[in-house]
């Protein structure tokens, strides 16, 4: 069914129910009941009550939450109340509630948020249940709750109205809870290694820190063009120069690129920088951090992701970009030589964005085409061409390449790390080359940042920096194959 047609049907079916519920608001108020009163004291959550219950007991509890199921049996009703911790069954009985039982039956709906006071008992089926002695409506829900999400139309509604998804889907709530715990685990891991968390600007006068097309905005008071942050890298390195030798930021970045199951224009990254360490040390750190966070999130180092079983217990493979192209592309060294690489690119279906690019840039393009999709188990790809790494330090043993790795899992890049370029003369030339590439038509090439070069001229210690895609890591941890399902409010086309 067409998405718009389905949405219109849902809106139409909701409108009649909406009118009924609005009338109930007037009826409630006519009886002196405020549909949106002040708060009531809550003594426990649903989960705490269930965890505490041992036998039939008379201890009194007060709790509040949303009614997500109701079934009536004449002078009694059962309901499911859902709060932040989970669900618990409620029991309403006319003999106990008196006149207010009629209010519950006639004026309370699925989706309403209520407060209840009562004691616990065990039903014949063995379910711990709250015998309600008193209830209060806390917030009237004016629309019916969705029953279930199924099919593409409902997925669209799920992303646009995330609150409905969270009300209705325990799986979605669990995914976002796992994401939050994962981020908390990363913070604890880094802070145990003496890192400090910092904040850097999201509005930049010059786009930089990554190869990406920026979003452009304008500051009226200053009369200047500004760019939404594509990466915090250049600011974090300024902090290392200033003496903060271990810094990290869990940051929002913005890149003016396409939307897909793996890309959202607004996304979350972890970036951290360490003085006096290198990318070899950081491979060990990332491997250990991923294992720690994944174990905390799920308890197992073997994760199901789509059709794959990912094993994080084994050492991550480490392979150079050059050797990976030969291995996974089934190519010979002669076929990727500077003399033959153009023909190989054409044979593999890879297209150059701009003309007159270097062999290193062509090598990187070939990697995108023939290697990335094969890197399923955690794999560190190392040794990148210098032309595609404008902020990375050259490998002293092979100056055409830089000391860099990217971590791939399930065919996705999860991390990017390199020894930071700290020689100002080399950095100036790299920026100049990037500027020429930008002028030649590559919108993703970096701009020339004179202020950053000046900062480096004051002395940047030998430093390693690493960026980790938080959204993609959340996808791996929660077995989610679309990035939209781990971002609370993904970017969507306007309706």
Protein backbone atom coordinates (compact mmCIF):
# COMPACT_ATOMS: atom_id res chain seq x y z
CA UNK A 1 0.00 0.00 0.00
CA UNK A 2 1.20 3.50 -0.79
CA UNK A 3 2.74 5.17 2.30
CA UNK A 4 0.74 8.38 2.00
CA UNK A 5 -2.54 6.47 1.54
CA UNK A 6 -1.80 4.35 4.61
CA UNK A 7 -0.97 7.43 6.70
CA UNK A 8 -4.15 9.18 5.56
CA UNK A 9 -6.21 6.14 6.57
CA UNK A 10 -4.57 6.08 9.98
CA UNK A 11 -5.18 9.78 10.48
CA UNK A 12 -8.81 9.39 9.37
CA UNK A 13 -9.45 6.42 11.68
CA UNK A 14 -7.78 8.33 14.51
CA UNK A 15 -9.88 11.47 14.01
CA UNK A 16 -13.18 9.83 15.07
CA UNK A 17 -11.57 8.38 18.18
CA UNK A 18 -9.97 11.76 18.88
CA UNK A 19 -13.38 13.43 18.92
CA UNK A 20 -14.72 10.80 21.35
CA UNK A 21 -11.79 11.32 23.69
CA UNK A 22 -12.10 15.11 23.56
CA UNK A 23 -15.74 14.71 24.66
CA UNK A 24 -14.52 12.56 27.55
CA UNK A 25 -12.34 15.45 28.67
CA UNK A 26 -15.47 17.62 28.99
CA UNK A 27 -17.28 14.83 30.87
CA UNK A 28 -14.39 14.44 33.29
CA UNK A 29 -14.28 18.15 33.99
CA UNK A 30 -18.05 18.26 34.47
CA UNK A 31 -17.52 15.77 37.30
CA UNK A 32 -14.75 17.85 38.85
CA UNK A 33 -11.92 15.65 37.54
CA UNK A 34 -8.96 17.44 35.97
CA UNK A 35 -7.57 15.33 33.05
CA UNK A 36 -4.06 16.81 33.48
CA UNK A 37 -3.59 17.35 37.22
CA UNK A 38 -0.40 17.92 39.20
CA UNK A 39 1.88 15.01 40.02
CA UNK A 40 1.13 12.32 42.60
CA UNK A 41 3.77 10.65 44.80
CA UNK A 42 5.18 7.39 43.38
CA UNK A 43 6.84 4.88 45.70
CA UNK A 44 7.98 2.18 43.25
CA UNK A 45 8.37 1.14 39.62
CA UNK A 46 6.74 -1.87 38.01
CA UNK A 47 10.02 -3.80 37.92
CA UNK A 48 10.88 -2.97 41.55
CA UNK A 49 7.49 -4.29 42.69
CA UNK A 50 7.87 -7.53 40.69
CA UNK A 51 11.43 -8.02 41.94
CA UNK A 52 10.39 -7.46 45.57
CA UNK A 53 7.29 -9.66 45.61
CA UNK A 54 7.71 -12.95 47.47
CA UNK A 55 4.30 -14.07 48.67
CA UNK A 56 0.85 -12.56 48.96
CA UNK A 57 1.46 -9.44 51.01
CA UNK A 58 -0.35 -6.33 52.22
CA UNK A 59 2.40 -3.77 51.64
CA UNK A 60 0.95 -0.73 49.88
CA UNK A 61 2.51 0.75 46.75
CA UNK A 62 1.89 3.80 44.62
CA UNK A 63 2.97 3.80 41.00
CA UNK A 64 2.22 5.62 37.77
CA UNK A 65 2.39 4.79 34.08
CA UNK A 66 0.57 4.39 30.79
CA UNK A 67 -2.29 1.93 30.30
CA UNK A 68 -1.30 -0.27 27.37
CA UNK A 69 -3.93 -3.02 27.72
CA UNK A 70 -7.38 -3.24 29.35
CA UNK A 71 -9.87 -6.11 29.50
CA UNK A 72 -13.15 -6.02 31.40
CA UNK A 73 -15.18 -8.72 33.16
CA UNK A 74 -18.40 -7.05 34.30
CA UNK A 75 -17.66 -5.63 37.72
CA UNK A 76 -13.91 -6.20 37.42
CA UNK A 77 -11.23 -5.14 34.98
CA UNK A 78 -7.61 -6.06 34.41
CA UNK A 79 -5.11 -3.63 32.87
CA UNK A 80 -1.41 -3.47 32.04
CA UNK A 81 0.46 -0.42 33.29
CA UNK A 82 3.76 0.46 31.62
CA UNK A 83 6.39 2.71 33.16
CA UNK A 84 10.09 3.26 32.46
CA UNK A 85 11.01 -0.09 34.01
CA UNK A 86 8.46 -2.39 32.33
CA UNK A 87 4.87 -3.55 32.79
CA UNK A 88 2.71 -4.78 35.67
CA UNK A 89 -0.87 -5.98 35.85
CA UNK A 90 -3.55 -3.95 37.66
CA UNK A 91 -6.86 -5.24 39.03
CA UNK A 92 -9.84 -2.88 39.28
CA UNK A 93 -12.96 -4.04 41.18
CA UNK A 94 -16.24 -2.18 41.64
CA UNK A 95 -16.62 -3.37 45.26
CA UNK A 96 -13.31 -1.72 46.13
CA UNK A 97 -13.45 1.43 43.99
CA UNK A 98 -17.15 2.26 44.28
CA UNK A 99 -18.32 5.11 42.03
CA UNK A 100 -14.85 5.65 40.58
CA UNK A 101 -15.02 2.21 38.95
CA UNK A 102 -17.62 3.58 36.52
CA UNK A 103 -15.29 6.46 35.69
CA UNK A 104 -12.55 3.93 34.92
CA UNK A 105 -14.85 1.91 32.66
CA UNK A 106 -16.40 4.82 30.78
CA UNK A 107 -13.86 7.64 30.73
CA UNK A 108 -10.42 6.01 30.94
CA UNK A 109 -8.82 4.81 27.66
CA UNK A 110 -5.85 2.90 26.42
CA UNK A 111 -2.89 5.26 26.38
CA UNK A 112 -4.02 7.28 29.42
CA UNK A 113 -1.38 7.85 32.09
CA UNK A 114 -2.72 6.97 35.53
CA UNK A 115 -1.61 6.84 39.13
CA UNK A 116 -2.69 3.95 41.34
CA UNK A 117 -2.42 2.94 44.98
CA UNK A 118 -2.85 -0.66 46.07
CA UNK A 119 -1.53 -3.93 47.45
CA UNK A 120 -0.25 -7.03 45.69
CA UNK A 121 -1.71 -10.47 45.13
CA UNK A 122 -1.06 -13.47 42.91
CA UNK A 123 -3.70 -14.38 40.32
CA UNK A 124 -4.75 -17.97 39.63
CA UNK A 125 -2.39 -17.95 36.65
CA UNK A 126 0.49 -16.90 38.91
CA UNK A 127 0.82 -13.27 37.79
CA UNK A 128 1.80 -10.64 40.35
CA UNK A 129 -0.96 -8.03 40.27
CA UNK A 130 -1.75 -4.73 41.99
CA UNK A 131 -5.20 -4.69 43.61
CA UNK A 132 -6.13 -1.05 43.01
CA UNK A 133 -7.63 0.76 46.01
CA UNK A 134 -7.43 4.22 44.41
CA UNK A 135 -6.57 5.62 41.00
CA UNK A 136 -6.17 9.07 39.44
CA UNK A 137 -5.93 10.12 35.83
CA UNK A 138 -2.63 11.99 35.35
CA UNK A 139 -2.69 12.67 31.60
CA UNK A 140 -5.46 12.00 29.09
CA UNK A 141 -4.35 10.45 25.80
CA UNK A 142 -6.40 11.96 22.96
CA UNK A 143 -5.43 9.48 20.23
CA UNK A 144 -5.61 5.68 20.03
CA UNK A 145 -2.35 3.81 20.41
CA UNK A 146 -1.07 1.86 17.40
CA UNK A 147 -1.55 -1.87 17.64
CA UNK A 148 1.61 -3.08 15.92
CA UNK A 149 4.11 -1.88 13.39
CA UNK A 150 4.26 -3.94 10.19
CA UNK A 151 5.20 -3.07 6.65
CA UNK A 152 6.89 -0.08 5.10
CA UNK A 153 4.12 2.41 5.86
CA UNK A 154 4.29 1.69 9.56
CA UNK A 155 8.10 1.97 9.51
CA UNK A 156 7.68 5.48 8.13
CA UNK A 157 5.32 6.39 10.98
CA UNK A 158 7.72 4.78 13.46
CA UNK A 159 10.52 7.15 12.45
CA UNK A 160 8.34 10.26 12.23
CA UNK A 161 6.50 9.60 15.49
CA UNK A 162 9.19 7.92 17.54
CA UNK A 163 7.16 8.38 20.72
CA UNK A 164 4.57 5.93 19.33
CA UNK A 165 7.32 3.46 18.54
CA UNK A 166 8.68 3.72 22.09
CA UNK A 167 5.22 3.36 23.66
CA UNK A 168 4.39 0.32 21.57
CA UNK A 169 7.68 -1.53 21.09
CA UNK A 170 9.67 -3.01 23.96
CA UNK A 171 12.34 -3.93 21.39
CA UNK A 172 12.85 -0.29 20.40
CA UNK A 173 13.04 0.81 24.02
CA UNK A 174 15.63 -1.91 24.68
CA UNK A 175 17.71 -0.80 21.68
CA UNK A 176 17.91 2.80 22.83
CA UNK A 177 18.56 1.75 26.42
CA UNK A 178 21.43 -0.44 25.15
CA UNK A 179 22.77 2.50 23.14
CA UNK A 180 22.74 4.73 26.21
CA UNK A 181 24.51 2.10 28.33
CA UNK A 182 27.06 1.60 25.55
CA UNK A 183 27.93 5.31 25.53
CA UNK A 184 28.13 5.34 29.32
CA UNK A 185 30.49 2.34 29.15
CA UNK A 186 32.74 4.17 26.67
CA UNK A 187 32.92 7.18 28.99
CA UNK A 188 33.87 5.02 31.97
CA UNK A 189 36.47 3.14 29.91
CA UNK A 190 38.21 6.31 28.70
CA UNK A 191 38.03 8.13 32.01
CA UNK A 192 39.73 5.15 33.68
CA UNK A 193 42.63 5.83 31.29
CA UNK A 194 42.85 9.48 32.44
CA UNK A 195 40.97 11.02 29.51
CA UNK A 196 38.88 14.12 30.10
CA UNK A 197 35.66 14.89 28.23
CA UNK A 198 35.48 18.25 26.45
CA UNK A 199 33.13 20.21 24.19
CA UNK A 200 34.20 21.92 20.98
CA UNK A 201 32.28 24.22 18.59
CA UNK A 202 29.57 22.94 16.28
CA UNK A 203 29.70 26.09 14.12
CA UNK A 204 33.00 26.33 12.24
CA UNK A 205 34.38 29.25 10.21
CA UNK A 206 36.24 26.72 8.01
CA UNK A 207 35.00 23.16 7.41
CA UNK A 208 37.70 20.66 8.33
CA UNK A 209 38.73 17.52 10.15
CA UNK A 210 37.35 15.09 7.55
CA UNK A 211 36.68 14.69 3.84
CA UNK A 212 32.98 15.55 3.59
CA UNK A 213 30.60 18.11 2.11
CA UNK A 214 29.46 20.50 4.85
CA UNK A 215 26.14 22.13 5.61
CA UNK A 216 26.40 25.90 5.19
CA UNK A 217 24.63 28.51 7.29
CA UNK A 218 24.90 32.27 7.85
CA UNK A 219 25.34 34.26 11.04
CA UNK A 220 23.40 37.48 10.64
CA UNK A 221 24.99 39.52 13.43
CA UNK A 222 28.54 38.67 12.36
CA UNK A 223 27.66 38.80 8.68
CA UNK A 224 29.66 35.68 7.99
CA UNK A 225 29.25 32.22 6.51
CA UNK A 226 29.58 29.32 8.95
CA UNK A 227 29.62 25.55 8.54
CA UNK A 228 28.06 22.86 10.70
CA UNK A 229 30.77 20.66 12.17
CA UNK A 230 31.82 17.72 10.00
CA UNK A 231 34.37 16.61 12.65
CA UNK A 232 35.84 18.04 15.88
CA UNK A 233 39.38 16.93 15.03
CA UNK A 234 41.15 20.24 14.50
CA UNK A 235 39.76 21.72 17.72
CA UNK A 236 40.60 18.64 19.80
CA UNK A 237 44.18 18.75 18.53
CA UNK A 238 44.38 22.41 19.54
CA UNK A 239 43.55 21.21 23.08
CA UNK A 240 46.37 18.65 22.96
CA UNK A 241 48.70 21.47 21.92
CA UNK A 242 47.40 23.41 24.92
CA UNK A 243 48.39 20.61 27.31
CA UNK A 244 45.27 18.44 27.58
CA UNK A 245 47.17 15.32 26.55
CA UNK A 246 44.20 12.91 26.68
CA UNK A 247 40.88 14.34 25.52
CA UNK A 248 37.68 12.93 24.07
CA UNK A 249 34.36 14.21 22.83
CA UNK A 250 31.14 12.33 22.08
CA UNK A 251 29.86 14.74 19.49
CA UNK A 252 27.21 15.43 16.87
CA UNK A 253 28.57 15.82 13.35
CA UNK A 254 26.79 16.94 10.19
CA UNK A 255 27.65 15.90 6.64
CA UNK A 256 25.69 16.96 3.58
CA UNK A 257 25.53 13.52 2.05
CA UNK A 258 22.98 10.91 1.04
CA UNK A 259 20.71 9.02 3.42
CA UNK A 260 20.94 5.22 3.54
CA UNK A 261 20.74 2.31 5.96
CA UNK A 262 24.28 3.25 7.06
CA UNK A 263 24.30 7.03 6.67
CA UNK A 264 22.38 9.84 8.36
CA UNK A 265 23.33 13.48 7.71
CA UNK A 266 23.42 14.09 11.48
CA UNK A 267 25.29 11.44 13.43
CA UNK A 268 27.22 10.76 16.63
CA UNK A 269 30.96 10.18 16.85
CA UNK A 270 33.44 9.48 19.58
CA UNK A 271 36.77 11.20 18.93
CA UNK A 272 39.72 10.87 21.30
CA UNK A 273 43.34 12.01 21.19
CA UNK A 274 46.39 10.80 23.15
CA UNK A 275 49.78 12.44 23.24
CA UNK A 276 52.83 10.14 23.28
CA UNK A 277 51.05 7.09 21.84
CA UNK A 278 50.62 5.73 18.30
CA UNK A 279 48.13 3.86 16.14
CA UNK A 280 49.54 0.44 17.09
CA UNK A 281 48.76 1.16 20.75
CA UNK A 282 45.31 2.43 19.73
CA UNK A 283 44.46 -0.76 17.83
CA UNK A 284 44.96 -2.64 21.10
CA UNK A 285 42.92 -0.05 22.97
CA UNK A 286 40.01 -0.14 20.50
CA UNK A 287 39.98 -3.94 20.48
CA UNK A 288 39.82 -4.03 24.27
CA UNK A 289 37.26 -1.20 24.52
CA UNK A 290 34.94 -2.85 21.99
CA UNK A 291 35.12 -6.15 23.88
CA UNK A 292 34.45 -4.41 27.19
CA UNK A 293 31.47 -2.42 25.92
CA UNK A 294 29.96 -5.34 23.97
CA UNK A 295 30.28 -7.66 26.98
CA UNK A 296 28.61 -5.08 29.23
CA UNK A 297 25.78 -4.60 26.72
CA UNK A 298 24.98 -8.26 26.01
CA UNK A 299 27.24 -10.54 28.00
CA UNK A 300 28.55 -12.41 24.94
CA UNK A 301 31.41 -11.67 22.58
CA UNK A 302 29.61 -13.54 19.80
CA UNK A 303 26.95 -11.30 18.27
CA UNK A 304 24.37 -11.97 15.60
CA UNK A 305 24.26 -9.19 13.05
CA UNK A 306 21.89 -9.75 10.14
CA UNK A 307 23.06 -12.94 8.44
CA UNK A 308 26.45 -12.92 10.20
CA UNK A 309 27.82 -14.19 13.49
CA UNK A 310 30.50 -11.75 14.61
CA UNK A 311 33.21 -13.06 16.92
CA UNK A 312 34.87 -10.39 19.07
CA UNK A 313 36.72 -12.92 21.25
CA UNK A 314 39.42 -13.55 18.64
CA UNK A 315 42.22 -11.08 17.84
CA UNK A 316 41.06 -8.64 15.15
CA UNK A 317 42.72 -9.24 11.77
CA UNK A 318 45.26 -6.61 10.69
CA UNK A 319 45.94 -6.18 6.97
CA UNK A 320 47.31 -3.38 4.80
CA UNK A 321 45.03 -1.65 2.30
CA UNK A 322 47.36 -2.74 -0.52
CA UNK A 323 47.31 -6.41 0.50
CA UNK A 324 43.54 -6.33 1.11
CA UNK A 325 42.96 -5.21 -2.48
CA UNK A 326 45.06 -8.10 -3.75
CA UNK A 327 43.39 -10.60 -1.38
CA UNK A 328 39.73 -9.66 -1.70
CA UNK A 329 39.81 -8.19 -5.19
CA UNK A 330 41.65 -11.26 -6.47
CA UNK A 331 44.12 -8.97 -8.22
CA UNK A 332 47.86 -9.15 -8.80
CA UNK A 333 50.41 -6.48 -7.83
CA UNK A 334 50.88 -5.79 -11.55
CA UNK A 335 47.16 -5.06 -11.99
CA UNK A 336 47.22 -2.34 -9.32
CA UNK A 337 50.54 -0.80 -10.34
CA UNK A 338 50.53 2.89 -11.36
CA UNK A 339 50.74 1.84 -15.02
CA UNK A 340 47.78 -0.59 -14.94
CA UNK A 341 45.47 0.73 -12.23
CA UNK A 342 43.29 2.81 -14.60
CA UNK A 343 42.37 -0.29 -16.58
CA UNK A 344 41.72 -2.20 -13.37
CA UNK A 345 39.44 0.55 -12.05
CA UNK A 346 37.45 0.47 -15.28
CA UNK A 347 37.20 -3.33 -15.17
CA UNK A 348 35.90 -3.18 -11.57
CA UNK A 349 33.34 -0.46 -12.35
CA UNK A 350 34.91 2.26 -10.19
CA UNK A 351 34.52 5.88 -11.33
CA UNK A 352 36.79 8.82 -10.59
CA UNK A 353 35.09 11.96 -9.20
CA UNK A 354 37.77 14.27 -10.60
CA UNK A 355 40.50 13.79 -13.21
CA UNK A 356 44.26 13.83 -12.67
CA UNK A 357 44.23 12.06 -9.30
CA UNK A 358 47.22 10.23 -7.87
CA UNK A 359 47.88 6.50 -7.75
CA UNK A 360 47.19 6.53 -4.01
CA UNK A 361 43.74 8.06 -4.56
CA UNK A 362 42.99 5.46 -7.22
CA UNK A 363 44.12 2.72 -4.88
CA UNK A 364 41.71 3.97 -2.22
CA UNK A 365 38.87 4.10 -4.74
CA UNK A 366 39.63 0.51 -5.74
CA UNK A 367 39.48 -0.52 -2.08
CA UNK A 368 35.96 0.96 -1.79
CA UNK A 369 34.88 -1.01 -4.82
CA UNK A 370 36.36 -4.47 -4.19
CA UNK A 371 37.29 -4.86 -0.51
CA UNK A 372 34.95 -3.12 1.95
CA UNK A 373 31.99 -5.49 1.51
CA UNK A 374 34.20 -8.51 2.35
CA UNK A 375 35.39 -7.22 5.74
CA UNK A 376 32.82 -8.96 7.94
CA UNK A 377 34.73 -10.07 11.04
CA UNK A 378 36.46 -7.23 12.97
CA UNK A 379 39.37 -6.19 10.76
CA UNK A 380 41.94 -3.41 11.08
CA UNK A 381 42.86 -2.06 7.65
CA UNK A 382 46.24 -0.32 7.94
CA UNK A 383 48.65 1.80 5.86
CA UNK A 384 46.67 4.27 3.73
CA UNK A 385 47.95 6.42 0.83
CA UNK A 386 49.08 9.83 2.00
CA UNK A 387 46.82 11.61 -0.54
CA UNK A 388 43.64 10.35 1.19
CA UNK A 389 44.95 11.12 4.69
CA UNK A 390 45.62 14.89 4.78
CA UNK A 391 45.90 15.07 8.58
CA UNK A 392 47.90 11.88 9.19
CA UNK A 393 51.65 11.47 9.77
CA UNK A 394 53.67 9.70 7.08
CA UNK A 395 55.06 6.24 7.73
CA UNK A 396 58.82 6.89 8.14
CA UNK A 397 59.60 3.57 6.41
CA UNK A 398 57.25 4.19 3.47
CA UNK A 399 56.57 7.93 2.97
CA UNK A 400 53.88 7.33 0.29
CA UNK A 401 51.69 5.89 3.04
CA UNK A 402 50.60 7.10 6.47
CA UNK A 403 50.44 5.51 9.93
CA UNK A 404 46.69 4.91 9.95
CA UNK A 405 44.05 2.25 10.44
CA UNK A 406 40.34 1.89 9.83
CA UNK A 407 38.30 -0.74 11.67
CA UNK A 408 35.70 -2.58 9.60
CA UNK A 409 32.94 -4.83 10.92
CA UNK A 410 30.13 -6.37 8.84
CA UNK A 411 31.32 -4.41 5.82
CA UNK A 412 31.04 -1.07 7.66
CA UNK A 413 33.74 1.34 8.77
CA UNK A 414 33.50 1.63 12.56
CA UNK A 415 36.67 3.54 13.43
CA UNK A 416 39.35 5.69 11.80
CA UNK A 417 42.67 6.36 13.52
CA UNK A 418 46.11 7.71 12.68
CA UNK A 419 49.27 9.20 14.04
CA UNK A 420 48.58 12.92 13.83
CA UNK A 421 50.58 15.02 11.42
CA UNK A 422 52.51 17.40 13.70
CA UNK A 423 55.01 18.91 11.26
CA UNK A 424 53.61 22.33 10.25
CA UNK A 425 55.43 22.46 6.87
CA UNK A 426 54.03 19.12 5.74
CA UNK A 427 50.59 20.09 7.07
CA UNK A 428 50.69 23.32 5.07
CA UNK A 429 51.46 21.44 1.85
CA UNK A 430 48.72 18.85 2.54
CA UNK A 431 46.17 21.63 3.08
CA UNK A 432 47.34 23.30 -0.13
CA UNK A 433 46.84 20.03 -2.03
CA UNK A 434 43.37 19.64 -0.53
CA UNK A 435 42.51 23.20 -1.52
CA UNK A 436 43.57 22.48 -5.11
CA UNK A 437 41.42 19.34 -5.13
CA UNK A 438 38.47 21.36 -3.81
CA UNK A 439 38.92 23.98 -6.54
CA UNK A 440 39.03 21.17 -9.11
CA UNK A 441 35.48 20.19 -8.15
CA UNK A 442 35.73 17.85 -5.15
CA UNK A 443 33.23 19.28 -2.64
CA UNK A 444 34.45 16.88 0.05
CA UNK A 445 38.08 18.04 0.00
CA UNK A 446 39.28 20.05 3.00
CA UNK A 447 39.88 23.80 2.98
CA UNK A 448 43.07 25.60 3.93
CA UNK A 449 43.07 26.36 7.68
CA UNK A 450 45.83 28.85 8.45
CA UNK A 451 44.87 29.16 12.11
CA UNK A 452 45.29 25.43 12.69
CA UNK A 453 48.75 25.49 11.07
CA UNK A 454 49.71 28.32 13.42
CA UNK A 455 48.57 26.22 16.38
CA UNK A 456 50.72 23.29 15.18
CA UNK A 457 53.67 25.67 14.86
CA UNK A 458 53.55 26.05 18.66
CA UNK A 459 54.31 22.32 18.94
CA UNK A 460 52.01 19.29 18.82
CA UNK A 461 53.51 16.35 20.70
CA UNK A 462 53.56 12.95 18.97
CA UNK A 463 49.84 12.21 19.13
CA UNK A 464 47.37 9.60 17.94
CA UNK A 465 43.71 10.37 17.26
CA UNK A 466 40.77 8.07 16.72
CA UNK A 467 37.13 8.47 15.69
CA UNK A 468 34.46 5.81 16.35
CA UNK A 469 30.99 5.80 14.79
CA UNK A 470 28.62 5.54 17.76
CA UNK A 471 25.51 4.94 15.63
CA UNK A 472 27.15 2.08 13.72
CA UNK A 473 28.50 0.54 16.91
CA UNK A 474 24.96 0.69 18.32
CA UNK A 475 23.78 -1.11 15.17
CA UNK A 476 26.27 -3.92 15.81
CA UNK A 477 25.47 -4.19 19.53
CA UNK A 478 21.68 -4.31 18.96
CA UNK A 479 21.64 -6.39 15.72
CA UNK A 480 20.09 -3.53 13.78
CA UNK A 481 20.73 -3.29 10.04
CA UNK A 482 19.34 0.23 9.55
CA UNK A 483 20.93 3.25 11.18
CA UNK A 484 17.48 4.87 11.48
CA UNK A 485 16.55 2.27 14.10
CA UNK A 486 19.31 3.38 16.48
CA UNK A 487 18.87 7.15 16.02
CA UNK A 488 15.90 8.44 17.98
CA UNK A 489 14.98 11.06 15.41
CA UNK A 490 16.60 10.28 12.03
CA UNK A 491 16.64 12.74 9.16
CA UNK A 492 13.63 12.20 6.87
CA UNK A 493 12.12 13.80 3.80
CA UNK A 494 9.54 16.43 4.63
CA UNK A 495 6.01 15.06 4.35
